[in-house]
């Protein structure tokens, strides 16, 4: 079996990263959809926010959402 490191192209072998931004989001109180087999479903409405960093900054607009599944296990 070939080691994973041998399969990675040389350009990706030394992956480098640096901080891009901090993200701050306002989320409304969850909307509870209810129980389904094996999980609870809820929706977190995004009310807005902002992001800022050395190389990137801006505003998070409202109208997005995060659909969540909360499992029993």
PDB file of N, CA and C in Angstrom:
ATOM      1  N   UNK A   1       0.847  -1.182   0.000  1.00  0.00           N
ATOM      2  CA  UNK A   1       0.000   0.000   0.000  1.00  0.00           C
ATOM      3  C   UNK A   1       0.894   1.248   0.000  1.00  0.00           C
ATOM      4  N   UNK A   2       0.585   2.189  -0.880  1.00  0.00           N
ATOM      5  CA  UNK A   2       1.362   3.413  -1.018  1.00  0.00           C
ATOM      6  C   UNK A   2       0.996   4.400   0.089  1.00  0.00           C
ATOM      7  N   UNK A   3       1.990   4.939   0.790  1.00  0.00           N
ATOM      8  CA  UNK A   3       1.695   5.962   1.815  1.00  0.00           C
ATOM      9  C   UNK A   3       1.033   7.195   1.185  1.00  0.00           C
ATOM     10  N   UNK A   4       0.107   7.782   1.908  1.00  0.00           N
ATOM     11  CA  UNK A   4      -0.612   8.955   1.414  1.00  0.00           C
ATOM     12  C   UNK A   4       0.343  10.079   1.016  1.00  0.00           C
ATOM     13  N   UNK A   5       1.404  10.285   1.773  1.00  0.00           N
ATOM     14  CA  UNK A   5       2.378  11.347   1.480  1.00  0.00           C
ATOM     15  C   UNK A   5       2.999  11.182   0.097  1.00  0.00           C
ATOM     16  N   UNK A   6       3.110   9.949  -0.378  1.00  0.00           N
ATOM     17  CA  UNK A   6       3.684   9.705  -1.704  1.00  0.00           C
ATOM     18  C   UNK A   6       2.700  10.010  -2.832  1.00  0.00           C
ATOM     19  N   UNK A   7       1.430  10.123  -2.507  1.00  0.00           N
ATOM     20  CA  UNK A   7       0.399  10.391  -3.514  1.00  0.00           C
ATOM     21  C   UNK A   7       0.129  11.880  -3.712  1.00  0.00           C
ATOM     22  N   UNK A   8       0.592  12.684  -2.783  1.00  0.00           N
ATOM     23  CA  UNK A   8       0.334  14.131  -2.828  1.00  0.00           C
ATOM     24  C   UNK A   8       1.305  14.795  -3.806  1.00  0.00           C
ATOM     25  N   UNK A   9       0.788  15.654  -4.709  1.00  0.00           N
ATOM     26  CA  UNK A   9       1.688  16.376  -5.621  1.00  0.00           C
ATOM     27  C   UNK A   9       2.690  17.224  -4.837  1.00  0.00           C
ATOM     28  N   UNK A  10       3.913  17.403  -5.354  1.00  0.00           N
ATOM     29  CA  UNK A  10       4.939  18.165  -4.637  1.00  0.00           C
ATOM     30  C   UNK A  10       4.485  19.571  -4.243  1.00  0.00           C
ATOM     31  N   UNK A  11       3.645  20.210  -5.065  1.00  0.00           N
ATOM     32  CA  UNK A  11       3.177  21.570  -4.762  1.00  0.00           C
ATOM     33  C   UNK A  11       2.314  21.612  -3.500  1.00  0.00           C
ATOM     34  N   UNK A  12       1.710  20.480  -3.139  1.00  0.00           N
ATOM     35  CA  UNK A  12       0.837  20.435  -1.961  1.00  0.00           C
ATOM     36  C   UNK A  12       1.497  19.802  -0.748  1.00  0.00           C
ATOM     37  N   UNK A  13       2.689  19.291  -0.918  1.00  0.00           N
ATOM     38  CA  UNK A  13       3.359  18.594   0.181  1.00  0.00           C
ATOM     39  C   UNK A  13       3.689  19.530   1.339  1.00  0.00           C
ATOM     40  N   UNK A  14       3.965  20.790   1.040  1.00  0.00           N
ATOM     41  CA  UNK A  14       4.286  21.779   2.068  1.00  0.00           C
ATOM     42  C   UNK A  14       3.190  22.838   2.087  1.00  0.00           C
ATOM     43  N   UNK A  15       2.039  22.473   2.598  1.00  0.00           N
ATOM     44  CA  UNK A  15       0.893  23.365   2.630  1.00  0.00           C
ATOM     45  C   UNK A  15       1.141  24.498   3.621  1.00  0.00           C
ATOM     46  N   UNK A  16       0.961  25.704   3.154  1.00  0.00           N
ATOM     47  CA  UNK A  16       1.130  26.881   4.015  1.00  0.00           C
ATOM     48  C   UNK A  16      -0.174  27.656   4.048  1.00  0.00           C
ATOM     49  N   UNK A  17      -0.478  28.232   5.178  1.00  0.00           N
ATOM     50  CA  UNK A  17      -1.690  29.038   5.307  1.00  0.00           C
ATOM     51  C   UNK A  17      -1.411  30.224   6.216  1.00  0.00           C
ATOM     52  N   UNK A  18      -2.278  31.207   6.124  1.00  0.00           N
ATOM     53  CA  UNK A  18      -2.206  32.339   7.040  1.00  0.00           C
ATOM     54  C   UNK A  18      -3.612  32.863   7.282  1.00  0.00           C
ATOM     55  N   UNK A  19      -3.775  33.563   8.382  1.00  0.00           N
ATOM     56  CA  UNK A  19      -5.080  34.053   8.800  1.00  0.00           C
ATOM     57  C   UNK A  19      -5.664  34.973   7.730  1.00  0.00           C
ATOM     58  N   UNK A  20      -6.914  34.757   7.377  1.00  0.00           N
ATOM     59  CA  UNK A  20      -7.578  35.599   6.392  1.00  0.00           C
ATOM     60  C   UNK A  20      -8.486  36.623   7.047  1.00  0.00           C
ATOM     61  N   UNK A  21      -9.321  36.172   8.012  1.00  0.00           N
ATOM     62  CA  UNK A  21     -10.292  37.083   8.615  1.00  0.00           C
ATOM     63  C   UNK A  21     -10.886  36.471   9.872  1.00  0.00           C
ATOM     64  N   UNK A  22     -11.507  37.330  10.668  1.00  0.00           N
ATOM     65  CA  UNK A  22     -12.359  36.915  11.775  1.00  0.00           C
ATOM     66  C   UNK A  22     -13.789  37.164  11.323  1.00  0.00           C
ATOM     67  N   UNK A  23     -14.703  36.274  11.688  1.00  0.00           N
ATOM     68  CA  UNK A  23     -16.089  36.359  11.257  1.00  0.00           C
ATOM     69  C   UNK A  23     -16.986  36.469  12.478  1.00  0.00           C
ATOM     70  N   UNK A  24     -17.871  37.459  12.478  1.00  0.00           N
ATOM     71  CA  UNK A  24     -18.815  37.694  13.569  1.00  0.00           C
ATOM     72  C   UNK A  24     -20.216  37.696  12.973  1.00  0.00           C
ATOM     73  N   UNK A  25     -21.068  36.781  13.425  1.00  0.00           N
ATOM     74  CA  UNK A  25     -22.407  36.642  12.861  1.00  0.00           C
ATOM     75  C   UNK A  25     -23.444  36.732  13.971  1.00  0.00           C
ATOM     76  N   UNK A  26     -24.525  37.482  13.699  1.00  0.00           N
ATOM     77  CA  UNK A  26     -25.680  37.534  14.594  1.00  0.00           C
ATOM     78  C   UNK A  26     -26.680  36.495  14.113  1.00  0.00           C
ATOM     79  N   UNK A  27     -27.097  35.614  15.021  1.00  0.00           N
ATOM     80  CA  UNK A  27     -28.058  34.580  14.677  1.00  0.00           C
ATOM     81  C   UNK A  27     -29.292  34.750  15.557  1.00  0.00           C
ATOM     82  N   UNK A  28     -30.482  34.734  14.927  1.00  0.00           N
ATOM     83  CA  UNK A  28     -31.733  34.851  15.675  1.00  0.00           C
ATOM     84  C   UNK A  28     -31.973  33.599  16.505  1.00  0.00           C
ATOM     85  N   UNK A  29     -32.893  33.686  17.447  1.00  0.00           N
ATOM     86  CA  UNK A  29     -33.282  32.525  18.244  1.00  0.00           C
ATOM     87  C   UNK A  29     -33.697  31.404  17.283  1.00  0.00           C
ATOM     88  N   UNK A  30     -33.254  30.162  17.535  1.00  0.00           N
ATOM     89  CA  UNK A  30     -33.551  29.074  16.601  1.00  0.00           C
ATOM     90  C   UNK A  30     -35.050  28.864  16.384  1.00  0.00           C
ATOM     91  N   UNK A  31     -35.410  28.556  15.151  1.00  0.00           N
ATOM     92  CA  UNK A  31     -36.765  28.137  14.818  1.00  0.00           C
ATOM     93  C   UNK A  31     -36.757  26.615  14.926  1.00  0.00           C
ATOM     94  N   UNK A  32     -37.528  26.080  15.840  1.00  0.00           N
ATOM     95  CA  UNK A  32     -37.546  24.636  16.050  1.00  0.00           C
ATOM     96  C   UNK A  32     -38.557  24.027  15.088  1.00  0.00           C
ATOM     97  N   UNK A  33     -38.066  23.239  14.153  1.00  0.00           N
ATOM     98  CA  UNK A  33     -38.930  22.557  13.190  1.00  0.00           C
ATOM     99  C   UNK A  33     -39.588  21.375  13.874  1.00  0.00           C
ATOM    100  N   UNK A  34     -38.815  20.640  14.661  1.00  0.00           N
ATOM    101  CA  UNK A  34     -39.385  19.540  15.434  1.00  0.00           C
ATOM    102  C   UNK A  34     -38.639  18.240  15.274  1.00  0.00           C
ATOM    103  N   UNK A  35     -39.167  17.251  15.939  1.00  0.00           N
ATOM    104  CA  UNK A  35     -38.572  15.915  15.993  1.00  0.00           C
ATOM    105  C   UNK A  35     -38.848  15.159  14.703  1.00  0.00           C
ATOM    106  N   UNK A  36     -37.807  14.524  14.196  1.00  0.00           N
ATOM    107  CA  UNK A  36     -37.926  13.594  13.078  1.00  0.00           C
ATOM    108  C   UNK A  36     -37.291  12.286  13.543  1.00  0.00           C
ATOM    109  N   UNK A  37     -37.440  11.216  12.810  1.00  0.00           N
ATOM    110  CA  UNK A  37     -36.816   9.962  13.273  1.00  0.00           C
ATOM    111  C   UNK A  37     -35.303  10.119  13.467  1.00  0.00           C
ATOM    112  N   UNK A  38     -34.849  10.027  14.707  1.00  0.00           N
ATOM    113  CA  UNK A  38     -33.427  10.063  15.014  1.00  0.00           C
ATOM    114  C   UNK A  38     -32.826  11.435  15.218  1.00  0.00           C
ATOM    115  N   UNK A  39     -33.593  12.509  15.032  1.00  0.00           N
ATOM    116  CA  UNK A  39     -32.988  13.844  15.158  1.00  0.00           C
ATOM    117  C   UNK A  39     -34.045  14.924  15.358  1.00  0.00           C
ATOM    118  N   UNK A  40     -33.602  16.022  15.940  1.00  0.00           N
ATOM    119  CA  UNK A  40     -34.400  17.244  15.996  1.00  0.00           C
ATOM    120  C   UNK A  40     -33.898  18.166  14.894  1.00  0.00           C
ATOM    121  N   UNK A  41     -34.795  18.872  14.238  1.00  0.00           N
ATOM    122  CA  UNK A  41     -34.422  19.807  13.178  1.00  0.00           C
ATOM    123  C   UNK A  41     -34.708  21.225  13.653  1.00  0.00           C
ATOM    124  N   UNK A  42     -33.790  22.138  13.351  1.00  0.00           N
ATOM    125  CA  UNK A  42     -34.003  23.551  13.681  1.00  0.00           C
ATOM    126  C   UNK A  42     -33.278  24.420  12.672  1.00  0.00           C
ATOM    127  N   UNK A  43     -33.692  25.674  12.622  1.00  0.00           N
ATOM    128  CA  UNK A  43     -33.134  26.624  11.664  1.00  0.00           C
ATOM    129  C   UNK A  43     -32.632  27.837  12.435  1.00  0.00           C
ATOM    130  N   UNK A  44     -31.408  28.256  12.157  1.00  0.00           N
ATOM    131  CA  UNK A  44     -30.850  29.476  12.745  1.00  0.00           C
ATOM    132  C   UNK A  44     -30.793  30.548  11.667  1.00  0.00           C
ATOM    133  N   UNK A  45     -31.631  31.558  11.793  1.00  0.00           N
ATOM    134  CA  UNK A  45     -31.664  32.649  10.817  1.00  0.00           C
ATOM    135  C   UNK A  45     -30.500  33.614  11.063  1.00  0.00           C
ATOM    136  N   UNK A  46     -29.767  33.920  10.030  1.00  0.00           N
ATOM    137  CA  UNK A  46     -28.651  34.865  10.137  1.00  0.00           C
ATOM    138  C   UNK A  46     -29.192  36.280   9.988  1.00  0.00           C
ATOM    139  N   UNK A  47     -28.995  37.094  11.032  1.00  0.00           N
ATOM    140  CA  UNK A  47     -29.511  38.458  11.040  1.00  0.00           C
ATOM    141  C   UNK A  47     -28.527  39.463  10.460  1.00  0.00           C
ATOM    142  N   UNK A  48     -27.260  39.092  10.373  1.00  0.00           N
ATOM    143  CA  UNK A  48     -26.237  39.993   9.849  1.00  0.00           C
ATOM    144  C   UNK A  48     -24.919  39.735  10.545  1.00  0.00           C
ATOM    145  N   UNK A  49     -23.966  40.616  10.294  1.00  0.00           N
ATOM    146  CA  UNK A  49     -22.668  40.477  10.931  1.00  0.00           C
ATOM    147  C   UNK A  49     -21.593  41.192  10.143  1.00  0.00           C
ATOM    148  N   UNK A  50     -20.350  40.806  10.442  1.00  0.00           N
ATOM    149  CA  UNK A  50     -19.221  41.442   9.753  1.00  0.00           C
ATOM    150  C   UNK A  50     -18.043  40.480   9.739  1.00  0.00           C
ATOM    151  N   UNK A  51     -17.105  40.752   8.867  1.00  0.00           N
ATOM    152  CA  UNK A  51     -15.850  40.009   8.847  1.00  0.00           C
ATOM    153  C   UNK A  51     -14.726  41.003   8.605  1.00  0.00           C
ATOM    154  N   UNK A  52     -13.578  40.752   9.215  1.00  0.00           N
ATOM    155  CA  UNK A  52     -12.465  41.684   9.107  1.00  0.00           C
ATOM    156  C   UNK A  52     -11.148  40.954   9.301  1.00  0.00           C
ATOM    157  N   UNK A  53     -10.181  41.364   8.518  1.00  0.00           N
ATOM    158  CA  UNK A  53      -8.837  40.818   8.610  1.00  0.00           C
ATOM    159  C   UNK A  53      -7.861  41.742   7.904  1.00  0.00           C
ATOM    160  N   UNK A  54      -6.615  41.346   7.897  1.00  0.00           N
ATOM    161  CA  UNK A  54      -5.567  42.155   7.281  1.00  0.00           C
ATOM    162  C   UNK A  54      -5.797  42.338   5.778  1.00  0.00           C
ATOM    163  N   UNK A  55      -6.357  41.308   5.144  1.00  0.00           N
ATOM    164  CA  UNK A  55      -6.507  41.324   3.683  1.00  0.00           C
ATOM    165  C   UNK A  55      -7.940  41.334   3.191  1.00  0.00           C
ATOM    166  N   UNK A  56      -8.919  41.285   4.092  1.00  0.00           N
ATOM    167  CA  UNK A  56     -10.311  41.155   3.679  1.00  0.00           C
ATOM    168  C   UNK A  56     -11.217  41.695   4.768  1.00  0.00           C
ATOM    169  N   UNK A  57     -12.249  42.443   4.391  1.00  0.00           N
ATOM    170  CA  UNK A  57     -13.219  42.954   5.361  1.00  0.00           C
ATOM    171  C   UNK A  57     -14.543  43.198   4.648  1.00  0.00           C
ATOM    172  N   UNK A  58     -15.629  43.112   5.398  1.00  0.00           N
ATOM    173  CA  UNK A  58     -16.921  43.371   4.796  1.00  0.00           C
ATOM    174  C   UNK A  58     -18.054  43.140   5.766  1.00  0.00           C
ATOM    175  N   UNK A  59     -19.260  43.168   5.225  1.00  0.00           N
ATOM    176  CA  UNK A  59     -20.488  43.053   5.995  1.00  0.00           C
ATOM    177  C   UNK A  59     -21.204  41.765   5.598  1.00  0.00           C
ATOM    178  N   UNK A  60     -21.774  41.066   6.587  1.00  0.00           N
ATOM    179  CA  UNK A  60     -22.594  39.890   6.331  1.00  0.00           C
ATOM    180  C   UNK A  60     -24.040  40.375   6.263  1.00  0.00           C
ATOM    181  N   UNK A  61     -24.702  40.110   5.155  1.00  0.00           N
ATOM    182  CA  UNK A  61     -26.080  40.537   4.973  1.00  0.00           C
ATOM    183  C   UNK A  61     -27.044  39.563   5.626  1.00  0.00           C
ATOM    184  N   UNK A  62     -28.222  40.048   5.975  1.00  0.00           N
ATOM    185  CA  UNK A  62     -29.249  39.179   6.555  1.00  0.00           C
ATOM    186  C   UNK A  62     -29.875  38.334   5.451  1.00  0.00           C
ATOM    187  N   UNK A  63     -30.687  37.406   5.831  1.00  0.00           N
ATOM    188  CA  UNK A  63     -31.504  36.538   4.967  1.00  0.00           C
ATOM    189  C   UNK A  63     -30.909  35.154   4.763  1.00  0.00           C
ATOM    190  N   UNK A  64     -29.734  34.867   5.279  1.00  0.00           N
ATOM    191  CA  UNK A  64     -29.203  33.509   5.205  1.00  0.00           C
ATOM    192  C   UNK A  64     -29.718  32.683   6.372  1.00  0.00           C
ATOM    193  N   UNK A  65     -29.406  31.399   6.362  1.00  0.00           N
ATOM    194  CA  UNK A  65     -29.805  30.549   7.481  1.00  0.00           C
ATOM    195  C   UNK A  65     -28.891  29.332   7.578  1.00  0.00           C
ATOM    196  N   UNK A  66     -28.931  28.711   8.730  1.00  0.00           N
ATOM    197  CA  UNK A  66     -28.194  27.486   8.996  1.00  0.00           C
ATOM    198  C   UNK A  66     -29.195  26.426   9.420  1.00  0.00           C
ATOM    199  N   UNK A  67     -29.364  25.396   8.611  1.00  0.00           N
ATOM    200  CA  UNK A  67     -30.271  24.297   8.938  1.00  0.00           C
ATOM    201  C   UNK A  67     -29.488  23.271   9.748  1.00  0.00           C
ATOM    202  N   UNK A  68     -30.007  22.935  10.918  1.00  0.00           N
ATOM    203  CA  UNK A  68     -29.284  22.046  11.827  1.00  0.00           C
ATOM    204  C   UNK A  68     -30.056  20.764  12.082  1.00  0.00           C
ATOM    205  N   UNK A  69     -29.315  19.685  12.209  1.00  0.00           N
ATOM    206  CA  UNK A  69     -29.853  18.399  12.615  1.00  0.00           C
ATOM    207  C   UNK A  69     -29.178  18.022  13.925  1.00  0.00           C
ATOM    208  N   UNK A  70     -29.952  17.912  14.971  1.00  0.00           N
ATOM    209  CA  UNK A  70     -29.424  17.530  16.280  1.00  0.00           C
ATOM    210  C   UNK A  70     -29.792  16.070  16.496  1.00  0.00           C
ATOM    211  N   UNK A  71     -28.789  15.194  16.390  1.00  0.00           N
ATOM    212  CA  UNK A  71     -29.032  13.754  16.460  1.00  0.00           C
ATOM    213  C   UNK A  71     -29.185  13.267  17.896  1.00  0.00           C
ATOM    214  N   UNK A  72     -29.862  12.164  18.041  1.00  0.00           N
ATOM    215  CA  UNK A  72     -30.086  11.563  19.361  1.00  0.00           C
ATOM    216  C   UNK A  72     -28.837  10.908  19.934  1.00  0.00           C
ATOM    217  N   UNK A  73     -27.893  10.538  19.077  1.00  0.00           N
ATOM    218  CA  UNK A  73     -26.704   9.848  19.573  1.00  0.00           C
ATOM    219  C   UNK A  73     -25.586  10.818  19.871  1.00  0.00           C
TER     220      UNK A  73
END
